[in-house]
Protein backbone atom coordinates (compact mmCIF):
# COMPACT_ATOMS: atom_id res chain seq x y z
CA UNK A 1 -0.11 0.07 0.06
CA UNK A 2 1.23 3.78 -0.79
CA UNK A 3 2.60 5.66 2.26
CA UNK A 4 -0.60 7.07 4.44
CA UNK A 5 -1.29 10.66 3.05
CA UNK A 6 -1.92 12.95 6.09
CA UNK A 7 -3.85 15.86 5.22
CA UNK A 8 -5.34 18.43 6.89
CA UNK A 9 -8.97 19.43 6.38
CA UNK A 10 -8.09 22.35 4.31
CA UNK A 11 -5.46 20.47 2.10
CA UNK A 12 -8.22 17.61 1.49
CA UNK A 13 -7.77 18.34 -2.22
CA UNK A 14 -4.40 18.74 -2.90
CA UNK A 15 -3.15 21.02 -5.90
CA UNK A 16 -1.52 19.48 -8.97
CA UNK A 17 1.73 20.84 -7.59
CA UNK A 18 1.46 18.45 -4.43
CA UNK A 19 0.22 15.59 -6.50
CA UNK A 20 3.03 15.66 -8.72
CA UNK A 21 5.33 16.06 -5.60
CA UNK A 22 3.41 13.14 -3.73
CA UNK A 23 3.84 10.79 -6.79
CA UNK A 24 7.72 11.27 -7.02
CA UNK A 25 8.41 10.20 -3.73
CA UNK A 26 5.73 7.49 -3.68
CA UNK A 27 7.47 4.24 -3.30
CA UNK A 28 5.27 1.15 -3.85
CA UNK A 29 5.39 -1.94 -1.55
CA UNK A 30 6.15 -5.46 -2.86
CA UNK A 31 4.90 -6.12 -6.61
CA UNK A 32 2.62 -9.09 -5.85
CA UNK A 33 1.71 -9.70 -9.39
CA UNK A 34 2.31 -13.43 -8.74
CA UNK A 35 2.93 -14.24 -12.42
CA UNK A 36 5.64 -11.73 -13.06
CA UNK A 37 7.34 -11.32 -9.72
CA UNK A 38 9.38 -14.13 -7.99
CA UNK A 39 8.48 -12.92 -4.56
CA UNK A 40 5.08 -12.04 -5.11
CA UNK A 41 2.53 -13.91 -2.40
CA UNK A 42 -0.31 -15.94 -2.99
CA UNK A 43 -3.57 -15.16 -1.24
CA UNK A 44 -7.39 -15.87 -0.89
CA UNK A 45 -7.83 -14.26 -4.37
CA UNK A 46 -5.09 -16.46 -6.12
CA UNK A 47 -5.88 -19.15 -8.49
CA UNK A 48 -4.42 -22.52 -9.82
CA UNK A 49 -3.05 -20.47 -12.49
CA UNK A 50 -0.87 -18.45 -9.96
CA UNK A 51 0.82 -21.59 -8.71
CA UNK A 52 1.44 -23.17 -12.12
CA UNK A 53 2.78 -20.01 -13.43
CA UNK A 54 4.64 -18.45 -10.57
CA UNK A 55 8.12 -17.58 -11.36
CA UNK A 56 9.18 -19.30 -8.13
CA UNK A 57 8.17 -22.60 -8.96
CA UNK A 58 9.36 -22.48 -12.62
CA UNK A 59 9.81 -26.00 -13.98
CA UNK A 60 8.02 -27.79 -11.14
CA UNK A 61 4.79 -26.02 -10.22
CA UNK A 62 2.66 -28.40 -11.53
CA UNK A 63 4.22 -30.99 -9.01
CA UNK A 64 2.98 -28.78 -6.03
CA UNK A 65 -0.63 -29.70 -6.80
CA UNK A 66 -2.17 -33.30 -6.39
CA UNK A 67 -3.01 -34.83 -9.36
CA UNK A 68 -0.55 -36.30 -12.10
CA UNK A 69 -3.14 -37.30 -14.72
CA UNK A 70 -5.51 -34.50 -14.65
CA UNK A 71 -6.06 -31.09 -16.32
CA UNK A 72 -6.54 -28.15 -14.08
CA UNK A 73 -9.18 -25.61 -14.44
CA UNK A 74 -6.57 -22.63 -13.81
CA UNK A 75 -9.20 -20.29 -13.35
CA UNK A 76 -10.15 -22.12 -9.87
CA UNK A 77 -9.47 -19.91 -6.94
CA UNK A 78 -7.54 -21.50 -4.19
CA UNK A 79 -10.35 -21.12 -1.79
CA UNK A 80 -11.69 -24.26 -3.77
CA UNK A 81 -8.41 -26.29 -3.17
CA UNK A 82 -10.14 -28.60 -0.95
CA UNK A 83 -12.12 -29.72 -3.92
CA UNK A 84 -8.80 -31.39 -5.21
CA UNK A 85 -8.62 -33.53 -2.00
CA UNK A 86 -11.16 -35.94 -1.66
CA UNK A 87 -9.53 -37.97 1.10
CA UNK A 88 -8.96 -34.93 3.08
CA UNK A 89 -10.67 -32.80 5.65
CA UNK A 90 -9.82 -29.67 7.45
CA UNK A 91 -8.22 -28.18 4.56
CA UNK A 92 -7.25 -24.43 5.86
CA UNK A 93 -6.63 -21.97 2.97
CA UNK A 94 -4.18 -19.76 5.42
CA UNK A 95 -2.37 -23.07 6.32
CA UNK A 96 -1.96 -24.02 2.72
CA UNK A 97 -0.67 -20.29 1.54
CA UNK A 98 1.42 -19.91 4.18
CA UNK A 99 3.52 -22.79 3.38
CA UNK A 100 3.51 -21.94 -0.10
CA UNK A 101 4.75 -18.42 0.44
CA UNK A 102 7.41 -19.78 2.73
CA UNK A 103 8.82 -21.50 -0.39
CA UNK A 104 8.18 -18.10 -2.58
CA UNK A 105 10.13 -16.16 0.21
CA UNK A 106 12.93 -18.93 0.14
CA UNK A 107 13.22 -18.74 -3.67
CA UNK A 108 13.28 -15.08 -3.72
CA UNK A 109 16.27 -15.30 -1.29
CA UNK A 110 18.00 -17.38 -3.87
CA UNK A 111 17.62 -20.72 -2.12
CA UNK A 112 16.96 -23.93 -3.85
CA UNK A 113 13.49 -25.04 -2.98
CA UNK A 114 13.13 -28.07 -5.44
CA UNK A 115 15.37 -31.10 -6.10
CA UNK A 116 15.30 -34.00 -8.55
CA UNK A 117 16.42 -36.84 -6.80
CA UNK A 118 16.45 -39.42 -10.21
CA UNK A 119 18.82 -38.55 -12.78
CA UNK A 120 18.19 -37.44 -16.32
CA UNK A 121 19.03 -40.73 -17.41
CA UNK A 122 16.57 -42.65 -15.07
CA UNK A 123 13.67 -40.06 -15.84
CA UNK A 124 14.32 -40.83 -19.65
CA UNK A 125 14.18 -44.29 -19.12
CA UNK A 126 11.13 -44.23 -17.15
CA UNK A 127 9.24 -40.95 -17.78
CA UNK A 128 6.67 -41.09 -15.06
CA UNK A 129 9.88 -40.44 -12.43
CA UNK A 130 9.62 -36.89 -13.95
CA UNK A 131 6.41 -36.55 -11.56
CA UNK A 132 8.90 -36.97 -8.61
CA UNK A 133 10.90 -34.36 -6.67
CA UNK A 134 11.73 -33.09 -3.28
CA UNK A 135 10.73 -29.62 -1.89
CA UNK A 136 13.26 -28.43 0.74
CA UNK A 137 12.37 -26.48 3.99
CA UNK A 138 15.52 -25.31 5.56
CA UNK A 139 16.37 -25.27 9.17
CA UNK A 140 19.81 -25.08 10.90
CA UNK A 141 22.94 -25.98 8.97
CA UNK A 142 23.79 -29.42 9.75
CA UNK A 143 20.37 -30.05 11.80
CA UNK A 144 18.77 -33.58 11.30
CA UNK A 145 16.28 -33.80 8.60
CA UNK A 146 12.79 -35.07 8.05
CA UNK A 147 11.05 -36.56 4.95
CA UNK A 148 7.31 -36.04 5.03
CA UNK A 149 5.53 -38.19 2.68
CA UNK A 150 1.77 -36.77 2.31
CA UNK A 151 -1.29 -39.24 1.61
CA UNK A 152 -3.87 -39.33 -1.15
CA UNK A 153 -4.81 -42.85 -1.43
CA UNK A 154 -1.89 -43.62 -4.05
CA UNK A 155 -4.04 -41.74 -6.46
CA UNK A 156 -2.61 -38.14 -5.73
CA UNK A 157 -0.30 -36.53 -3.40
CA UNK A 158 -1.73 -34.07 -0.98
CA UNK A 159 1.33 -32.03 -0.52
CA UNK A 160 -0.66 -28.63 -0.01
CA UNK A 161 -2.50 -29.92 3.13
CA UNK A 162 -0.13 -32.55 4.80
CA UNK A 163 3.14 -31.89 3.30
CA UNK A 164 4.26 -28.31 3.17
CA UNK A 165 2.79 -27.38 6.25
CA UNK A 166 3.96 -30.18 8.02
CA UNK A 167 7.65 -29.20 6.78
CA UNK A 168 7.18 -25.70 7.57
CA UNK A 169 6.30 -26.40 11.19
CA UNK A 170 9.38 -28.93 11.44
CA UNK A 171 11.73 -26.28 9.95
CA UNK A 172 10.68 -23.32 12.29
CA UNK A 173 11.80 -25.71 15.05
CA UNK A 174 15.38 -25.66 13.47
CA UNK A 175 15.40 -29.08 11.73
CA UNK A 176 15.48 -29.82 7.87
CA UNK A 177 12.44 -30.79 6.32
CA UNK A 178 11.74 -32.30 2.66
CA UNK A 179 8.53 -33.13 1.31
CA UNK A 180 8.36 -35.96 -1.11
CA UNK A 181 6.31 -35.88 -4.22
CA UNK A 182 6.04 -39.44 -5.32
CA UNK A 183 4.32 -41.08 -8.34
CA UNK A 184 0.93 -41.34 -7.85
CA UNK A 185 -1.38 -43.95 -9.55
CA UNK A 186 1.13 -46.77 -9.27
CA UNK A 187 0.52 -48.21 -6.05
CA UNK A 188 2.34 -48.36 -2.53
CA UNK A 189 5.34 -50.23 -4.12
CA UNK A 190 6.42 -47.77 -6.43
CA UNK A 191 5.94 -44.91 -4.15
CA UNK A 192 7.93 -46.43 -1.42
CA UNK A 193 10.79 -47.08 -3.95
CA UNK A 194 10.53 -43.05 -4.56
CA UNK A 195 10.80 -42.67 -0.87
CA UNK A 196 13.75 -44.83 -0.82
CA UNK A 197 15.54 -43.17 -3.52
CA UNK A 198 14.87 -39.67 -2.05
CA UNK A 199 16.16 -40.79 1.35
CA UNK A 200 19.44 -42.32 -0.58
CA UNK A 201 19.87 -38.95 -2.53
CA UNK A 202 19.53 -36.87 0.62
CA UNK A 203 22.33 -38.88 2.73
CA UNK A 204 24.44 -39.07 -0.40
CA UNK A 205 24.35 -35.26 -0.93
CA UNK A 206 24.05 -34.31 2.57
CA UNK A 207 27.02 -31.93 2.60
CA UNK A 208 25.76 -30.07 -0.44
CA UNK A 209 22.09 -29.68 0.89
CA UNK A 210 23.74 -28.70 4.53
CA UNK A 211 21.81 -31.45 6.56
CA UNK A 212 22.85 -33.89 9.28
CA UNK A 213 22.72 -37.67 8.50
CA UNK A 214 22.21 -38.66 11.98
CA UNK A 215 18.89 -39.24 13.47
CA UNK A 216 16.59 -38.55 10.46
CA UNK A 217 13.02 -39.12 10.86
CA UNK A 218 10.49 -40.23 8.41
CA UNK A 219 6.90 -38.77 8.63
CA UNK A 220 3.65 -39.74 6.45
CA UNK A 221 -0.17 -39.29 6.39
CA UNK A 222 -2.55 -41.98 5.22
CA UNK A 223 -0.81 -43.85 2.24
CA UNK A 224 2.38 -41.79 3.23
CA UNK A 225 2.38 -43.19 6.27
CA UNK A 226 2.68 -46.65 4.83
CA UNK A 227 5.61 -45.70 3.13
CA UNK A 228 7.35 -44.31 6.15
CA UNK A 229 6.54 -47.28 8.11
CA UNK A 230 7.80 -49.78 5.33
CA UNK A 231 10.90 -48.32 5.37
CA UNK A 232 11.16 -48.18 9.24
CA UNK A 233 10.34 -51.95 9.24
CA UNK A 234 12.56 -53.32 6.31
CA UNK A 235 14.84 -50.36 5.62
CA UNK A 236 15.90 -48.34 2.61
CA UNK A 237 17.79 -51.03 0.89
CA UNK A 238 14.68 -53.33 0.82
CA UNK A 239 12.99 -50.75 -1.61
CA UNK A 240 15.75 -50.21 -4.14
CA UNK A 241 17.76 -47.51 -2.27
CA UNK A 242 21.14 -47.40 -0.49
CA UNK A 243 22.38 -49.22 2.06
CA UNK A 244 21.21 -46.91 4.75
CA UNK A 245 20.77 -46.75 8.71
CA UNK A 246 16.70 -46.76 9.32
CA UNK A 247 15.05 -43.79 10.60
CA UNK A 248 15.45 -42.64 14.05
CA UNK A 249 11.73 -42.15 14.32
CA UNK A 250 8.71 -42.62 12.36
CA UNK A 251 5.75 -40.34 12.65
CA UNK A 252 2.33 -41.77 11.41
CA UNK A 253 -0.94 -40.03 10.95
CA UNK A 254 -4.16 -41.97 10.06
CA UNK A 255 -2.81 -45.24 8.45
CA UNK A 256 -4.66 -48.66 8.83
CA UNK A 257 -0.84 -50.05 7.90
CA UNK A 258 -0.42 -53.15 10.24
CA UNK A 259 2.94 -55.01 9.02
CA UNK A 260 5.79 -54.41 11.63
CA UNK A 261 9.08 -55.96 12.43
CA UNK A 262 10.90 -56.98 15.45
CA UNK A 263 13.20 -54.09 15.35
CA UNK A 264 11.09 -51.08 14.45
CA UNK A 265 12.43 -47.47 15.35
CA UNK A 266 10.15 -45.45 17.73
CA UNK A 267 6.86 -44.75 16.37
CA UNK A 268 4.37 -41.53 16.84
CA UNK A 269 0.68 -42.33 15.72
CA UNK A 270 -2.23 -39.95 15.52
CA UNK A 271 -5.79 -40.76 14.26
CA UNK A 272 -9.27 -39.23 14.68
CA UNK A 273 -11.65 -41.07 16.79
CA UNK A 274 -14.37 -41.10 13.89
CA UNK A 275 -11.93 -42.12 11.12
CA UNK A 276 -13.61 -44.61 8.90
CA UNK A 277 -10.92 -44.88 6.33
CA UNK A 278 -7.87 -45.87 9.16
CA UNK A 279 -10.23 -46.81 12.12
CA UNK A 280 -8.61 -46.28 15.40
CA UNK A 281 -8.75 -50.03 16.48
CA UNK A 282 -6.90 -50.96 13.61
CA UNK A 283 -3.88 -48.33 14.79
CA UNK A 284 -4.30 -49.70 18.17
CA UNK A 285 -3.55 -52.95 17.05
CA UNK A 286 -0.36 -52.05 15.68
CA UNK A 287 0.70 -49.99 18.30
CA UNK A 288 0.10 -52.66 20.94
CA UNK A 289 2.16 -54.99 18.96
CA UNK A 290 5.02 -52.61 18.48
CA UNK A 291 4.97 -52.02 22.23
CA UNK A 292 5.05 -55.79 22.93
CA UNK A 293 8.12 -56.29 20.93
CA UNK A 294 9.75 -53.19 22.73
CA UNK A 295 9.45 -50.85 20.35
CA UNK A 296 8.61 -47.09 22.04
CA UNK A 297 5.08 -46.08 20.48
CA UNK A 298 3.32 -42.91 21.44
CA UNK A 299 -0.42 -42.74 20.40
CA UNK A 300 -2.97 -39.86 20.35
CA UNK A 301 -6.56 -40.29 19.23
CA UNK A 302 -8.57 -37.13 18.91
CA UNK A 303 -12.07 -36.22 19.67
CA UNK A 304 -14.65 -35.32 16.76
CA UNK A 305 -12.35 -35.78 13.95
CA UNK A 306 -12.24 -38.17 10.86
CA UNK A 307 -9.68 -38.97 8.07
CA UNK A 308 -7.36 -36.40 6.56
CA UNK A 309 -7.08 -33.57 9.16
CA UNK A 310 -3.65 -32.52 8.31
CA UNK A 311 -2.48 -30.12 11.18
CA UNK A 312 -5.88 -30.20 12.61
CA UNK A 313 -5.89 -26.32 12.76
CA UNK A 314 -9.22 -25.39 14.75
CA UNK A 315 -9.62 -28.78 15.80
CA UNK A 316 -8.91 -31.26 18.67
CA UNK A 317 -5.72 -31.90 17.08
CA UNK A 318 -4.29 -28.81 16.74
CA UNK A 319 -0.90 -28.73 18.01
CA UNK A 320 -0.06 -32.50 17.37
CA UNK A 321 2.88 -32.00 15.04
CA UNK A 322 4.87 -30.21 17.85
CA UNK A 323 4.20 -33.22 19.75
CA UNK A 324 5.65 -35.10 16.98
CA UNK A 325 8.69 -33.03 16.75
CA UNK A 326 9.21 -33.58 20.54
CA UNK A 327 9.00 -37.22 20.26
CA UNK A 328 11.81 -37.25 17.36
CA UNK A 329 14.15 -34.96 19.38
CA UNK A 330 13.80 -37.35 22.33
CA UNK A 331 14.75 -40.56 19.95
CA UNK A 332 17.56 -38.38 18.31
CA UNK A 333 19.05 -38.01 21.92
CA UNK A 334 18.66 -41.60 23.10
CA UNK A 335 20.22 -42.99 19.51
CA UNK A 336 23.26 -40.92 19.74
């Protein structure tokens, strides 16, 4: 907004000379035309086009959105973005745009916010791998990292709701956080292979990325929680990745995943009491099995919530992500 003009009653209508002077000293604030300005923020009036064509997201804007195989109505306002997320609830526009604007600010500051973890040769051989990548939310230099795998029933990837907002919260606590865009529509095995490849890439390039390799964690919601838990149980190499250590902690949100091993990492679990897709009773069976096998497991069930609540802003689950960060921190200390 322009500088506020302070006028007396007698000067309510300034002279032409005064107007010329005012125009000469007026300095506009940030240009918010998101299609021309790398630092232009998204807001309630923004559209899908503003994401797809934002200069900060040049070359990967489509991977921010959920679906690989659908054409988007580019005129659709972000106020309707929840319509692209059929398995999700409590999609909060302020939360969505805040995390996206964080990436815009980082890009405007010259920071790389998106990385390919498959090589050009690999993507040429398997074109669907072009639908993958890592979005990076930086914390402290050398701090441990988290990889967040959003859900979407392996049909889409709900990064805008339960990927970027998680990573933003984690990074603001000083930790490095990556959001995985994996191949959708090809099932859990392929998606988990993408997660293994992403973890391997981060560990291999840790010095360049500025992240610590000790004590990393895997976070996932719904389908993404299945992926995180699978690697927690079986390791990265099982899914085609490097011979790497298992995560120091796994954070699972509302997933009916039941498989487990006898050497699981500490596991943090959240679910809504009214979840019909990942019923609490199913999650409780796995938590009990983990505890019986000697694995530390923390479990939270939230009132009046169903599936896919993300950060749960304005609900009984609000703040759970900070409890999960605390749990991870404890695991890091125990595994030094």
